Amino acid sequence: MNITLWIIQGLTTLGFIYSGWLKAFQYEKAKASWGWIKDLPKGLVLFIGLAELLGAIGVILPEALDIAPILTPVAAAALAVIILLGAALHVSRKEYRELVVNLVFILLALFVAIGRF
């Protein structure tokens, strides 16, 4: 189970580093890739990106370094909340195809949160 959790943590981290990096540091590229970004303030998109990057770090480092490992499930749960809020945005915009990605990452984050708790 520990190996499975590490694999899931790695996949979750990679996904959120990619997504967060685009939102936080490559705004124009993110805006071209994701239509919903055009309808949100740039500051909010930056905030979401930074939150995703911090969450990605929190899913790996506390457990890997054995320094406050309780932060790993907390970070994973926080990422699940961010994804849930994103899913709500997609539903309000009738972007139902985006929900599949949201569902996958919610399940990954919740698996880590529950497994590491």
Protein backbone atom coordinates (compact mmCIF):
# COMPACT_ATOMS: atom_id res chain seq x y z
CA MET A 1 0.00 0.00 0.00
CA ASN A 2 2.88 2.37 0.79
CA ILE A 3 4.28 1.96 -2.74
CA THR A 4 0.85 2.61 -4.25
CA LEU A 5 0.48 5.74 -2.15
CA TRP A 6 3.89 7.02 -3.29
CA ILE A 7 2.97 6.43 -6.93
CA ILE A 8 -0.33 8.26 -6.49
CA GLN A 9 1.42 11.07 -4.62
CA GLY A 10 3.90 11.38 -7.48
CA LEU A 11 1.18 11.49 -10.14
CA THR A 12 -0.82 14.01 -8.14
CA THR A 13 2.23 16.17 -7.62
CA LEU A 14 3.17 16.12 -11.30
CA GLY A 15 -0.34 17.07 -12.37
CA PHE A 16 -0.53 19.98 -9.95
CA ILE A 17 2.98 21.23 -10.69
CA TYR A 18 2.06 21.39 -14.38
CA SER A 19 -1.30 23.05 -13.77
CA GLY A 20 -0.07 25.38 -11.05
CA TRP A 21 3.02 26.43 -13.00
CA LEU A 22 0.95 27.41 -16.01
CA LYS A 23 -1.51 29.39 -13.92
CA ALA A 24 1.12 31.09 -11.76
CA PHE A 25 3.98 31.73 -14.18
CA GLN A 26 2.72 31.27 -17.73
CA TYR A 27 -0.58 33.07 -17.63
CA GLU A 28 -0.84 33.73 -21.38
CA LYS A 29 -0.17 30.08 -22.23
CA ALA A 30 -2.73 28.98 -19.62
CA LYS A 31 -5.26 31.46 -21.00
CA ALA A 32 -4.75 30.04 -24.49
CA SER A 33 -5.14 26.46 -23.19
CA TRP A 34 -8.09 26.88 -20.84
CA GLY A 35 -11.01 29.08 -21.85
CA TRP A 36 -12.28 29.61 -18.32
CA ILE A 37 -9.18 31.60 -17.38
CA LYS A 38 -10.32 34.47 -19.60
CA ASP A 39 -13.35 34.97 -17.35
CA LEU A 40 -11.48 35.16 -14.03
CA PRO A 41 -9.30 37.96 -12.69
CA LYS A 42 -5.59 37.39 -13.32
CA GLY A 43 -4.90 37.69 -9.59
CA LEU A 44 -7.32 34.86 -8.79
CA VAL A 45 -5.71 32.63 -11.44
CA LEU A 46 -2.28 33.42 -9.94
CA PHE A 47 -3.59 32.60 -6.46
CA ILE A 48 -5.03 29.27 -7.66
CA GLY A 49 -1.74 28.42 -9.37
CA LEU A 50 0.33 29.19 -6.28
CA ALA A 51 -2.08 27.21 -4.08
CA GLU A 52 -1.74 24.24 -6.43
CA LEU A 53 2.05 24.48 -6.38
CA LEU A 54 2.15 24.66 -2.58
CA GLY A 55 -0.28 21.76 -2.36
CA ALA A 56 1.87 19.70 -4.74
CA ILE A 57 4.92 20.32 -2.57
CA GLY A 58 2.89 19.47 0.53
CA VAL A 59 1.77 16.14 -0.91
CA ILE A 60 5.38 14.97 -1.25
CA LEU A 61 7.85 16.73 1.05
CA PRO A 62 6.44 16.29 4.57
CA GLU A 63 6.11 12.53 4.10
CA ALA A 64 9.38 12.16 2.19
CA LEU A 65 11.41 14.14 4.73
CA ASP A 66 9.49 12.78 7.73
CA ILE A 67 9.03 16.33 8.96
CA ALA A 68 5.45 16.93 10.09
CA PRO A 69 4.10 14.10 7.88
CA ILE A 70 0.54 14.98 8.96
CA LEU A 71 0.82 17.84 6.47
CA THR A 72 0.75 15.38 3.55
CA PRO A 73 -2.90 14.33 4.01
CA VAL A 74 -3.81 17.93 4.87
CA ALA A 75 -2.27 19.14 1.61
CA ALA A 76 -3.98 16.37 -0.34
CA ALA A 77 -7.35 17.23 1.20
CA ALA A 78 -6.79 20.93 0.43
CA LEU A 79 -6.03 20.05 -3.19
CA ALA A 80 -9.25 18.03 -3.33
CA VAL A 81 -11.15 21.13 -2.19
CA ILE A 82 -9.45 23.26 -4.86
CA ILE A 83 -10.42 20.69 -7.50
CA LEU A 84 -13.98 20.53 -6.19
CA LEU A 85 -14.27 24.30 -6.49
CA GLY A 86 -12.86 24.08 -10.02
CA ALA A 87 -15.42 21.42 -10.87
CA ALA A 88 -18.18 23.69 -9.60
CA LEU A 89 -16.87 26.44 -11.90
CA HIS A 90 -16.92 24.03 -14.86
CA VAL A 91 -20.48 22.96 -14.07
CA SER A 92 -21.61 26.59 -13.87
CA ARG A 93 -20.02 27.19 -17.29
CA LYS A 94 -21.49 23.95 -18.69
CA GLU A 95 -17.98 22.61 -19.40
CA TYR A 96 -18.86 19.02 -18.63
CA ARG A 97 -15.90 17.48 -20.47
CA GLU A 98 -13.55 19.15 -17.98
CA LEU A 99 -15.21 17.27 -15.13
CA VAL A 100 -13.49 14.00 -16.05
CA VAL A 101 -10.06 15.48 -15.28
CA ASN A 102 -11.45 17.02 -12.08
CA LEU A 103 -12.89 13.68 -11.00
CA VAL A 104 -9.60 11.85 -11.60
CA PHE A 105 -7.61 14.37 -9.57
CA ILE A 106 -10.21 14.50 -6.79
CA LEU A 107 -9.96 10.72 -6.48
CA LEU A 108 -6.15 10.81 -6.51
CA ALA A 109 -6.00 13.54 -3.87
CA LEU A 110 -8.59 11.86 -1.66
CA PHE A 111 -6.77 8.52 -1.96
CA VAL A 112 -3.60 10.19 -0.68
CA ALA A 113 -5.44 12.09 2.05
CA ILE A 114 -7.17 8.99 3.36
CA GLY A 115 -4.21 6.66 2.85
CA ARG A 116 -1.74 8.92 4.63
CA PHE A 117 -4.10 9.89 7.44
